[in-house]
Amino acid sequence: MKKLLPLLLFLFLSGLVFAQQVDIELYKSGFSDPLNLQHANDDRLFVVEQGGKIKIIQGDGTVNTTPFLDISGQISSGGERGLLGLAFHPDYTNNGYFYVNYSKPNGDTQISRFSVDSGNPDIADQNSELPIIDYSQPFSNHNGGCLAFGPDDYLYIASGDGGSSGDPGNRAQNINLLLGKLLRIDVDNPSGGNNYGIPAGNPFVGNPNAREEIWAYGLRNPWRFSFDLTENNLWIGDVGQSNLEEINRVSVAEAGLNYGWRCYEGTQPFNTQNCPPQSEITFPIAEYTHASGNCSITGGYVYRGSVYSDIAGLYFFADYCSGMIGTVDGSGNLIDHGNFSGNWVSFGEDVNKELYIVDKGGSIYKITGDPIIGTEDFSLEDTLSMLPNPASENVTFSLKNDILQAIQVFDVRGSLVSSEENIFSNEKTISISNLNPRIYFAKITSVKEQTIVKKLIVQ
């Protein structure tokens, strides 16, 4: 088991380092209480709305008028209840299975499998529901809600401690209950009269005094977790009680870990009555306080995209109340990148592992950093104009005291979409009428071989 972080490291993490290295760009708006964003190994994005609908954003940015799935008539929604999570089966391309986490009308948690319509990849079969696992929720809050397939192709499910305040039933430490846990089940090999099986490597297999579905325990409300397959790590953002929000990182192979709640809130004692020794607790790699309006962590992903070099390998998280977006590096150093206007409830990846962040107010934003495209030389900053920006038909580039050599336009994935070579003029107008509305990057090269990359917004 991991040991308690040294006091010196805790003090360092408590004093957050401020830097403005990341930004967000509006990608799509107009959703109703979006809570989650997923992809199905293609260029579509699936937006999960709390009220029970899943909508599709196509690769060209358009939103389908017909929802992919609509189960609004069979759930309870509001507060921390609703349609909370979505995961596509690793073999979705062939079997068409996907899994959802929702609150039943009585407030209990239901995990179910649905199938895509056999004749339309943009619509699910509404009558295909197969209940997988369910469990009671004694209170309306702390429902968890995240589910994801791990690198082992098993389904992982995050469950909260059952709600109220302070875990009054000590459920998170009770391995006879599914609450306050990370569960791991085998949806491909059902057994024991269930629509799922128990993986042989689960830590409590054969233990009559524990639930065999449990992979880890001692969690308060692990609203969002993710796998980083590059480093084979599991990251969990666990919502705190009164002062600390915590981020856990462990190897995907570490089973049976106790993350400490209700004994500890982050690295600090909370209620240690009848608790195990510290040596048996897995403490967070990073944490932050409720100062500056913070209140509830939204866990994210490690950035593994190919567009932004400066944020590569950083784990992203956000705070629901303050709008703060932060990162944690591989050494556990936490950076607050500032407060952005949003009630952040989820992050998402597209098929190219570019990152997005979801505002419960209805909008999806793209996480941006410095683009990898070319070599940037900002000595041109004061001499170049690019107007209009945003634009819809044409953009004019003008240089003072230099001559334009080339203008290249790239999309956010780094693909070249437009190129003008051998310009040899200090002004050039290019047409962008054939480009879809979204963010692009224009790389401008002068005859003196100086370059600069500018964001170009096409409306």
Protein backbone atom coordinates (compact mmCIF):
# COMPACT_ATOMS: atom_id res chain seq x y z
CA MET A 1 0.00 0.00 0.00
CA LYS A 2 1.10 3.55 -0.62
CA LYS A 3 2.24 5.66 2.30
CA LEU A 4 1.10 9.12 3.35
CA LEU A 5 2.59 11.95 1.30
CA PRO A 6 5.43 13.68 3.13
CA LEU A 7 4.39 16.89 4.85
CA LEU A 8 6.74 18.93 2.69
CA LEU A 9 5.05 17.71 -0.50
CA PHE A 10 1.62 18.42 0.96
CA LEU A 11 2.61 21.98 1.83
CA PHE A 12 3.92 22.47 -1.70
CA LEU A 13 0.70 21.20 -3.24
CA SER A 14 -1.39 23.39 -0.94
CA GLY A 15 0.31 26.51 -2.28
CA LEU A 16 -0.97 26.38 -5.85
CA VAL A 17 1.26 27.65 -8.63
CA PHE A 18 -0.53 30.06 -10.97
CA ALA A 19 0.20 30.12 -14.67
CA GLN A 20 -1.83 30.81 -17.80
CA GLN A 21 -0.73 28.08 -20.19
CA VAL A 22 -4.09 26.77 -21.37
CA ASP A 23 -7.17 28.29 -22.93
CA ILE A 24 -10.61 27.20 -24.10
CA GLU A 25 -12.42 27.77 -27.38
CA LEU A 26 -16.19 27.38 -27.81
CA TYR A 27 -16.86 24.26 -29.88
CA LYS A 28 -20.65 23.84 -29.71
CA SER A 29 -23.49 25.22 -27.60
CA GLY A 30 -27.24 24.76 -27.20
CA PHE A 31 -27.36 21.60 -25.09
CA SER A 32 -29.60 21.05 -22.06
CA ASP A 33 -27.60 20.28 -18.90
CA PRO A 34 -24.85 18.28 -20.63
CA LEU A 35 -22.93 16.06 -18.21
CA ASN A 36 -20.64 13.85 -20.29
CA LEU A 37 -18.89 13.63 -23.67
CA GLN A 38 -17.70 10.46 -25.40
CA HIS A 39 -16.67 9.17 -28.82
CA ALA A 40 -17.20 5.79 -30.49
CA ASN A 41 -13.84 5.53 -32.28
CA ASP A 42 -15.00 7.77 -35.12
CA ASP A 43 -15.23 11.53 -35.65
CA ARG A 44 -18.60 11.89 -33.90
CA LEU A 45 -18.98 13.20 -30.33
CA PHE A 46 -21.81 11.96 -28.11
CA VAL A 47 -23.20 14.48 -25.61
CA VAL A 48 -24.99 13.06 -22.54
CA GLU A 49 -27.72 15.32 -21.18
CA GLN A 50 -28.85 14.98 -17.58
CA GLY A 51 -32.52 14.80 -18.56
CA GLY A 52 -32.04 11.52 -20.40
CA LYS A 53 -30.97 12.25 -23.97
CA ILE A 54 -27.74 11.53 -25.82
CA LYS A 55 -27.09 13.77 -28.82
CA ILE A 56 -24.54 13.47 -31.62
CA ILE A 57 -22.18 16.17 -32.85
CA GLN A 58 -21.02 15.12 -36.30
CA GLY A 59 -17.44 15.59 -37.47
CA ASP A 60 -18.42 18.73 -39.37
CA GLY A 61 -19.80 20.33 -36.19
CA THR A 62 -23.50 19.85 -36.94
CA VAL A 63 -25.79 18.40 -34.28
CA ASN A 64 -28.27 15.71 -35.26
CA THR A 65 -31.88 16.78 -34.73
CA THR A 66 -32.87 13.29 -33.56
CA PRO A 67 -31.21 12.14 -30.31
CA PHE A 68 -29.07 9.03 -30.42
CA LEU A 69 -30.92 7.81 -27.31
CA ASP A 70 -33.85 9.21 -25.33
CA ILE A 71 -34.70 7.54 -22.01
CA SER A 72 -36.04 10.71 -20.38
CA GLY A 73 -39.30 8.93 -19.57
CA GLN A 74 -37.69 6.29 -17.37
CA ILE A 75 -35.27 8.24 -15.17
CA SER A 76 -35.32 10.72 -12.29
CA SER A 77 -33.41 13.89 -13.04
CA GLY A 78 -32.35 16.93 -11.07
CA GLY A 79 -29.74 17.73 -8.44
CA GLU A 80 -27.17 14.94 -8.72
CA ARG A 81 -29.55 12.48 -10.39
CA GLY A 82 -30.19 11.83 -14.05
CA LEU A 83 -28.46 10.25 -17.03
CA LEU A 84 -24.91 10.48 -15.68
CA GLY A 85 -22.51 8.40 -17.76
CA LEU A 86 -21.86 6.66 -21.08
CA ALA A 87 -19.30 4.08 -22.23
CA PHE A 88 -18.95 2.37 -25.59
CA HIS A 89 -17.95 -1.27 -25.67
CA PRO A 90 -14.34 -1.79 -26.89
CA ASP A 91 -15.78 -3.79 -29.79
CA TYR A 92 -18.62 -1.35 -30.46
CA THR A 93 -17.82 -1.27 -34.19
CA ASN A 94 -18.85 -4.93 -34.42
CA ASN A 95 -21.36 -5.50 -31.61
CA GLY A 96 -22.99 -2.05 -31.32
CA TYR A 97 -23.15 -2.21 -27.50
CA PHE A 98 -22.97 0.83 -25.25
CA TYR A 99 -23.58 1.27 -21.53
CA VAL A 100 -25.27 4.02 -19.54
CA ASN A 101 -25.45 4.98 -15.88
CA TYR A 102 -28.74 6.57 -14.80
CA SER A 103 -30.97 7.23 -11.81
CA LYS A 104 -34.16 5.18 -11.71
CA PRO A 105 -37.44 6.91 -10.80
CA ASN A 106 -36.90 5.89 -7.16
CA GLY A 107 -33.39 7.39 -7.19
CA ASP A 108 -31.45 4.13 -7.24
CA THR A 109 -28.57 3.60 -9.68
CA GLN A 110 -29.04 1.54 -12.84
CA ILE A 111 -26.31 0.42 -15.24
CA SER A 112 -27.75 -0.88 -18.51
CA ARG A 113 -26.61 -1.95 -21.94
CA PHE A 114 -28.24 -0.67 -25.13
CA SER A 115 -27.59 -1.48 -28.78
CA VAL A 116 -27.26 0.76 -31.80
CA ASP A 117 -30.04 0.51 -34.39
CA SER A 118 -29.10 -2.10 -37.00
CA GLY A 119 -30.02 0.20 -39.86
CA ASN A 120 -28.89 3.63 -38.63
CA PRO A 121 -25.57 4.26 -36.82
CA ASP A 122 -26.88 7.60 -35.49
CA ILE A 123 -29.83 6.10 -33.58
CA ALA A 124 -29.95 3.56 -30.76
CA ASP A 125 -32.52 0.80 -30.47
CA GLN A 126 -34.78 2.20 -27.74
CA ASN A 127 -36.11 -1.28 -26.95
CA SER A 128 -32.74 -2.97 -26.57
CA GLU A 129 -32.09 -2.23 -22.89
CA LEU A 130 -30.42 -5.04 -20.94
CA PRO A 131 -30.12 -4.28 -17.21
CA ILE A 132 -26.59 -5.05 -16.02
CA ILE A 133 -26.33 -4.03 -12.37
CA ASP A 134 -28.22 -1.76 -9.98
CA TYR A 135 -27.87 -0.68 -6.37
CA SER A 136 -29.78 1.38 -3.82
CA GLN A 137 -29.06 5.03 -3.09
CA PRO A 138 -30.05 6.01 0.48
CA PHE A 139 -29.81 9.75 -0.30
CA SER A 140 -30.22 11.86 -3.43
CA ASN A 141 -26.58 13.02 -3.68
CA HIS A 142 -23.20 11.32 -4.22
CA ASN A 143 -24.33 9.01 -7.01
CA GLY A 144 -20.98 8.83 -8.76
CA GLY A 145 -21.99 8.27 -12.37
CA CYS A 146 -18.85 7.65 -14.39
CA LEU A 147 -18.23 4.38 -16.18
CA ALA A 148 -15.46 3.40 -18.58
CA PHE A 149 -13.82 0.34 -20.05
CA GLY A 150 -10.28 -0.24 -18.87
CA PRO A 151 -7.32 -1.56 -20.87
CA ASP A 152 -8.39 -5.05 -19.72
CA ASP A 153 -11.79 -4.59 -21.49
CA TYR A 154 -13.65 -4.81 -18.18
CA LEU A 155 -16.27 -2.21 -17.27
CA TYR A 156 -15.36 0.07 -14.34
CA ILE A 157 -18.14 1.91 -12.48
CA ALA A 158 -17.73 4.75 -9.97
CA SER A 159 -20.22 4.79 -7.10
CA GLY A 160 -20.55 7.51 -4.48
CA ASP A 161 -20.83 6.86 -0.75
CA GLY A 162 -24.63 7.05 -0.76
CA GLY A 163 -24.92 10.72 0.09
CA SER A 164 -25.83 12.98 2.95
CA SER A 165 -22.75 14.46 4.67
CA GLY A 166 -19.78 12.78 6.28
CA ASP A 167 -20.81 9.29 5.12
CA PRO A 168 -23.08 8.67 8.12
CA GLY A 169 -23.40 4.96 7.36
CA ASN A 170 -19.62 4.50 6.91
CA ARG A 171 -20.49 2.91 3.57
CA ALA A 172 -17.29 3.79 1.73
CA GLN A 173 -15.22 1.66 4.14
CA ASN A 174 -17.73 -1.20 4.18
CA ILE A 175 -16.67 -3.80 1.59
CA ASN A 176 -20.06 -5.52 1.91
CA LEU A 177 -21.65 -2.58 0.09
CA LEU A 178 -21.19 -1.27 -3.46
CA LEU A 179 -21.30 2.40 -2.38
CA GLY A 180 -18.16 4.53 -2.15
CA LYS A 181 -16.37 2.16 -4.50
CA LEU A 182 -14.86 1.64 -7.91
CA LEU A 183 -16.43 -1.52 -9.31
CA ARG A 184 -15.04 -3.80 -12.04
CA ILE A 185 -17.24 -6.29 -13.89
CA ASP A 186 -17.01 -8.50 -16.98
CA VAL A 187 -19.92 -7.69 -19.30
CA ASP A 188 -18.84 -10.23 -21.92
CA ASN A 189 -18.98 -13.34 -19.73
CA PRO A 190 -22.07 -13.30 -17.48
CA SER A 191 -22.27 -15.81 -14.66
CA GLY A 192 -24.03 -16.56 -11.41
CA GLY A 193 -27.43 -15.61 -12.76
CA ASN A 194 -26.33 -12.03 -13.45
CA ASN A 195 -25.89 -10.19 -16.72
CA TYR A 196 -22.22 -9.77 -15.87
CA GLY A 197 -19.36 -11.83 -14.49
CA ILE A 198 -16.65 -11.23 -11.88
CA PRO A 199 -13.10 -10.89 -13.26
CA ALA A 200 -10.78 -13.44 -11.66
CA GLY A 201 -8.34 -10.71 -10.61
CA ASN A 202 -10.82 -8.72 -8.52
CA PRO A 203 -9.38 -8.36 -5.02
CA PHE A 204 -12.28 -9.86 -3.05
CA VAL A 205 -13.05 -12.89 -5.19
CA GLY A 206 -13.92 -15.77 -2.87
CA ASN A 207 -14.27 -13.53 0.19
CA PRO A 208 -17.68 -14.24 1.78
CA ASN A 209 -17.47 -10.97 3.72
CA ALA A 210 -17.10 -8.71 0.70
CA ARG A 211 -18.74 -7.89 -2.62
CA GLU A 212 -16.72 -9.43 -5.41
CA GLU A 213 -17.55 -6.57 -7.82
CA ILE A 214 -15.34 -4.17 -5.81
CA TRP A 215 -12.05 -3.07 -7.36
CA ALA A 216 -11.24 -0.23 -4.91
CA TYR A 217 -12.99 1.43 -1.96
CA GLY A 218 -12.87 4.41 0.39
CA LEU A 219 -14.18 6.94 -2.16
CA ARG A 220 -16.59 9.78 -1.37
CA ASN A 221 -17.98 10.81 -4.74
CA PRO A 222 -15.69 9.84 -7.63
CA TRP A 223 -17.70 11.85 -10.16
CA ARG A 224 -15.19 11.38 -13.00
CA PHE A 225 -12.28 8.98 -13.55
CA SER A 226 -10.20 8.05 -16.60
CA PHE A 227 -7.48 5.74 -17.85
CA ASP A 228 -4.20 6.96 -19.31
CA LEU A 229 -3.18 4.07 -21.54
CA THR A 230 0.20 5.64 -22.36
CA GLU A 231 1.40 5.29 -18.76
CA ASN A 232 -1.17 2.62 -17.77
CA ASN A 233 -2.50 4.76 -14.94
CA LEU A 234 -5.94 5.26 -13.45
CA TRP A 235 -6.84 8.84 -12.46
CA ILE A 236 -9.76 9.65 -10.13
CA GLY A 237 -11.12 13.06 -9.17
CA ASP A 238 -12.87 12.48 -5.84
CA VAL A 239 -15.15 15.26 -4.57
CA GLY A 240 -14.28 16.43 -1.06
CA GLN A 241 -16.41 17.15 1.99
CA SER A 242 -15.68 20.57 3.47
CA ASN A 243 -12.16 21.67 2.57
CA LEU A 244 -10.14 19.44 0.23
CA GLU A 245 -10.66 18.14 -3.31
CA GLU A 246 -8.43 15.21 -4.21
CA ILE A 247 -6.82 13.66 -7.26
CA ASN A 248 -5.72 10.04 -7.16
CA ARG A 249 -3.33 8.35 -9.57
CA VAL A 250 -2.46 4.66 -9.40
CA SER A 251 -1.34 1.92 -11.73
CA VAL A 252 -4.21 0.17 -13.50
CA ALA A 253 -2.95 -3.09 -12.00
CA GLU A 254 -3.30 -2.00 -8.33
CA ALA A 255 -6.35 -3.78 -6.94
CA GLY A 256 -8.02 -3.53 -3.55
CA LEU A 257 -6.79 -0.02 -2.71
CA ASN A 258 -8.45 1.93 0.10
CA TYR A 259 -8.59 5.65 -0.78
CA GLY A 260 -9.37 6.59 2.80
CA TRP A 261 -12.80 8.23 2.99
CA ARG A 262 -14.45 8.75 5.61
CA CYS A 263 -11.28 8.34 7.66
CA TYR A 264 -9.49 11.03 5.66
CA GLU A 265 -10.51 13.93 3.47
CA GLY A 266 -7.58 14.06 1.09
CA THR A 267 -4.47 13.84 3.26
CA GLN A 268 -6.17 15.23 6.38
CA PRO A 269 -7.94 13.21 9.10
CA PHE A 270 -11.72 13.53 8.97
CA ASN A 271 -13.23 10.77 11.14
CA THR A 272 -10.65 8.14 12.04
CA GLN A 273 -12.77 6.13 14.46
CA ASN A 274 -12.26 2.40 13.79
CA CYS A 275 -10.11 3.19 10.76
CA PRO A 276 -7.11 1.24 9.43
CA PRO A 277 -3.57 2.56 9.91
CA GLN A 278 -2.25 5.18 7.48
CA SER A 279 0.04 2.59 5.91
CA GLU A 280 -3.05 0.86 4.48
CA ILE A 281 -4.49 4.02 2.91
CA THR A 282 -3.76 5.27 -0.63
CA PHE A 283 -3.46 9.05 -0.40
CA PRO A 284 -3.91 11.47 -3.31
CA ILE A 285 -1.11 12.55 -5.62
CA ALA A 286 -2.49 16.11 -5.45
CA GLU A 287 -5.22 18.11 -3.76
CA TYR A 288 -6.53 21.65 -3.51
CA THR A 289 -8.56 23.60 -0.97
CA HIS A 290 -11.92 25.35 -1.13
CA ALA A 291 -10.25 28.76 -1.18
CA SER A 292 -11.25 31.21 -3.94
CA GLY A 293 -14.71 29.69 -4.35
CA ASN A 294 -13.66 26.10 -5.09
CA CYS A 295 -16.09 23.40 -3.99
CA SER A 296 -16.24 20.30 -6.21
CA ILE A 297 -13.64 18.66 -8.45
CA THR A 298 -14.40 17.40 -11.94
CA GLY A 299 -11.79 14.87 -12.94
CA GLY A 300 -10.54 14.77 -16.51
CA TYR A 301 -7.91 13.16 -18.71
CA VAL A 302 -4.20 13.22 -19.41
CA TYR A 303 -3.71 15.12 -22.65
CA ARG A 304 -2.37 12.70 -25.29
CA GLY A 305 -3.37 14.64 -28.40
CA SER A 306 -0.97 15.71 -31.14
CA VAL A 307 -1.81 19.40 -31.63
CA TYR A 308 -0.54 21.11 -28.45
CA SER A 309 3.00 20.39 -27.33
CA ASP A 310 3.00 22.45 -24.12
CA ILE A 311 0.22 20.47 -22.42
CA ALA A 312 1.34 16.99 -23.48
CA GLY A 313 1.26 14.51 -20.58
CA LEU A 314 -0.62 16.82 -18.19
CA TYR A 315 -3.69 15.61 -16.31
CA PHE A 316 -6.58 18.08 -16.58
CA PHE A 317 -9.20 18.72 -13.92
CA ALA A 318 -11.62 21.54 -13.13
CA ASP A 319 -13.79 22.90 -10.32
CA TYR A 320 -17.57 23.12 -10.69
CA CYS A 321 -18.07 26.21 -8.53
CA SER A 322 -15.11 28.50 -9.19
CA GLY A 323 -14.62 27.67 -12.87
CA MET A 324 -10.96 26.89 -12.23
CA ILE A 325 -9.16 24.65 -14.74
CA GLY A 326 -5.99 23.00 -13.49
CA THR A 327 -3.38 20.44 -14.39
CA VAL A 328 -1.19 17.94 -12.56
CA ASP A 329 2.10 16.74 -14.01
CA GLY A 330 3.72 13.35 -13.56
CA SER A 331 5.44 14.46 -10.36
CA GLY A 332 2.23 15.62 -8.72
CA ASN A 333 2.79 19.34 -9.22
CA LEU A 334 -0.57 21.07 -9.40
CA ILE A 335 -1.03 24.23 -11.47
CA ASP A 336 -4.10 26.47 -11.35
CA HIS A 337 -4.55 27.95 -14.84
CA GLY A 338 -7.15 30.45 -13.69
CA ASN A 339 -10.91 30.67 -13.39
CA PHE A 340 -12.95 30.34 -16.57
CA SER A 341 -16.66 31.09 -16.86
CA GLY A 342 -18.26 27.68 -16.60
CA ASN A 343 -19.79 25.11 -14.28
CA TRP A 344 -17.47 22.35 -15.41
CA VAL A 345 -19.04 18.90 -15.09
CA SER A 346 -16.95 16.74 -17.40
CA PHE A 347 -14.06 16.47 -19.82
CA GLY A 348 -14.08 14.46 -23.01
CA GLU A 349 -11.72 13.17 -25.67
CA ASP A 350 -12.31 12.88 -29.40
CA VAL A 351 -10.96 10.01 -31.48
CA ASN A 352 -7.64 11.88 -31.88
CA LYS A 353 -7.37 12.39 -28.09
CA GLU A 354 -7.90 16.15 -28.27
CA LEU A 355 -9.56 17.39 -25.08
CA TYR A 356 -12.91 19.09 -24.50
CA ILE A 357 -14.58 20.44 -21.38
CA VAL A 358 -18.32 20.47 -20.68
CA ASP A 359 -20.20 23.39 -19.09
CA LYS A 360 -23.48 22.34 -17.47
CA GLY A 361 -24.90 25.60 -18.81
CA GLY A 362 -25.06 23.99 -22.24
CA SER A 363 -21.75 24.45 -24.03
CA ILE A 364 -18.82 22.27 -25.10
CA TYR A 365 -15.38 23.91 -25.23
CA LYS A 366 -12.11 22.71 -26.70
CA ILE A 367 -8.97 22.75 -24.52
CA THR A 368 -6.15 24.56 -26.32
CA GLY A 369 -2.46 25.21 -25.78
CA ASP A 370 0.38 26.23 -28.07
CA PRO A 371 0.07 24.43 -31.42
CA ILE A 372 2.83 22.09 -32.52
CA ILE A 373 2.56 23.30 -36.12
CA GLY A 374 5.89 24.65 -37.40
CA THR A 375 8.33 26.96 -35.66
CA GLU A 376 6.84 30.06 -34.07
CA ASP A 377 8.70 33.36 -34.10
CA PHE A 378 6.68 36.11 -32.49
CA SER A 379 8.92 38.87 -33.87
CA LEU A 380 6.20 39.21 -36.53
CA GLU A 381 3.53 39.84 -33.91
CA ASP A 382 3.58 43.63 -34.19
CA THR A 383 3.88 43.75 -37.98
CA LEU A 384 1.20 41.28 -39.08
CA SER A 385 -2.54 41.91 -39.37
CA MET A 386 -5.16 39.25 -40.13
CA LEU A 387 -8.61 40.72 -40.79
CA PRO A 388 -11.39 40.01 -40.26
CA ASN A 389 -11.12 37.42 -37.50
CA PRO A 390 -13.63 35.80 -36.97
CA ALA A 391 -14.39 35.55 -40.69
CA SER A 392 -16.70 33.66 -43.02
CA GLU A 393 -15.70 34.43 -46.63
CA ASN A 394 -12.23 35.97 -46.96
CA VAL A 395 -9.27 36.87 -44.75
CA THR A 396 -6.64 39.47 -45.63
CA PHE A 397 -3.08 39.10 -44.32
CA SER A 398 -0.87 42.22 -44.29
CA LEU A 399 2.79 42.61 -43.31
CA LYS A 400 4.71 45.77 -42.52
CA ASN A 401 8.45 45.94 -43.28
CA ASP A 402 8.47 42.45 -44.76
CA ILE A 403 7.04 40.36 -47.62
CA LEU A 404 4.69 37.40 -47.38
CA GLN A 405 6.13 34.14 -48.67
CA ALA A 406 3.49 31.56 -47.73
CA ILE A 407 0.24 31.18 -45.80
CA GLN A 408 -0.84 27.73 -44.61
CA VAL A 409 -4.06 26.94 -42.73
CA PHE A 410 -4.31 23.89 -40.48
CA ASP A 411 -7.23 22.41 -38.58
CA VAL A 412 -6.95 21.63 -34.88
CA ARG A 413 -5.73 18.11 -35.67
CA GLY A 414 -2.73 19.49 -37.57
CA SER A 415 -4.05 18.66 -41.06
CA LEU A 416 -3.29 21.15 -43.83
CA VAL A 417 -6.58 22.48 -45.27
CA SER A 418 -5.37 25.47 -47.33
CA SER A 419 -2.05 26.68 -48.71
CA GLU A 420 -0.84 29.75 -50.62
CA GLU A 421 2.79 29.60 -51.76
CA ASN A 422 5.15 32.07 -53.52
CA ILE A 423 3.09 35.14 -52.60
CA PHE A 424 5.90 37.75 -52.71
CA SER A 425 3.64 40.61 -51.62
CA ASN A 426 3.03 42.41 -48.35
CA GLU A 427 -0.70 41.71 -48.59
CA LYS A 428 -2.72 38.64 -49.54
CA THR A 429 -6.43 37.86 -49.39
CA ILE A 430 -7.44 34.19 -49.22
CA SER A 431 -10.86 32.59 -49.46
CA ILE A 432 -12.10 30.51 -46.53
CA SER A 433 -15.65 30.00 -47.81
CA ASN A 434 -15.00 26.28 -48.26
CA LEU A 435 -13.99 25.77 -44.61
CA ASN A 436 -16.43 24.53 -41.97
CA PRO A 437 -17.12 26.87 -39.02
CA ARG A 438 -14.56 26.06 -36.32
CA ILE A 439 -11.08 26.97 -35.02
CA TYR A 440 -8.08 26.84 -37.39
CA PHE A 441 -4.44 27.90 -37.22
CA ALA A 442 -2.83 30.07 -39.90
CA LYS A 443 0.93 29.74 -40.26
CA ILE A 444 2.42 32.79 -41.96
CA THR A 445 5.97 32.72 -43.37
CA SER A 446 7.84 35.80 -44.57
CA VAL A 447 10.59 35.97 -47.21
CA LYS A 448 13.01 36.50 -44.31
CA GLU A 449 11.97 33.00 -43.17
CA GLN A 450 10.27 34.24 -40.04
CA THR A 451 7.06 32.44 -39.08
CA ILE A 452 4.11 33.00 -36.78
CA VAL A 453 1.01 30.91 -36.02
CA LYS A 454 -2.29 32.72 -35.48
CA LYS A 455 -5.68 31.37 -34.41
CA LEU A 456 -8.26 31.82 -37.15
CA ILE A 457 -11.96 31.55 -36.30
CA VAL A 458 -14.23 30.62 -39.20
CA GLN A 459 -17.89 31.41 -38.60
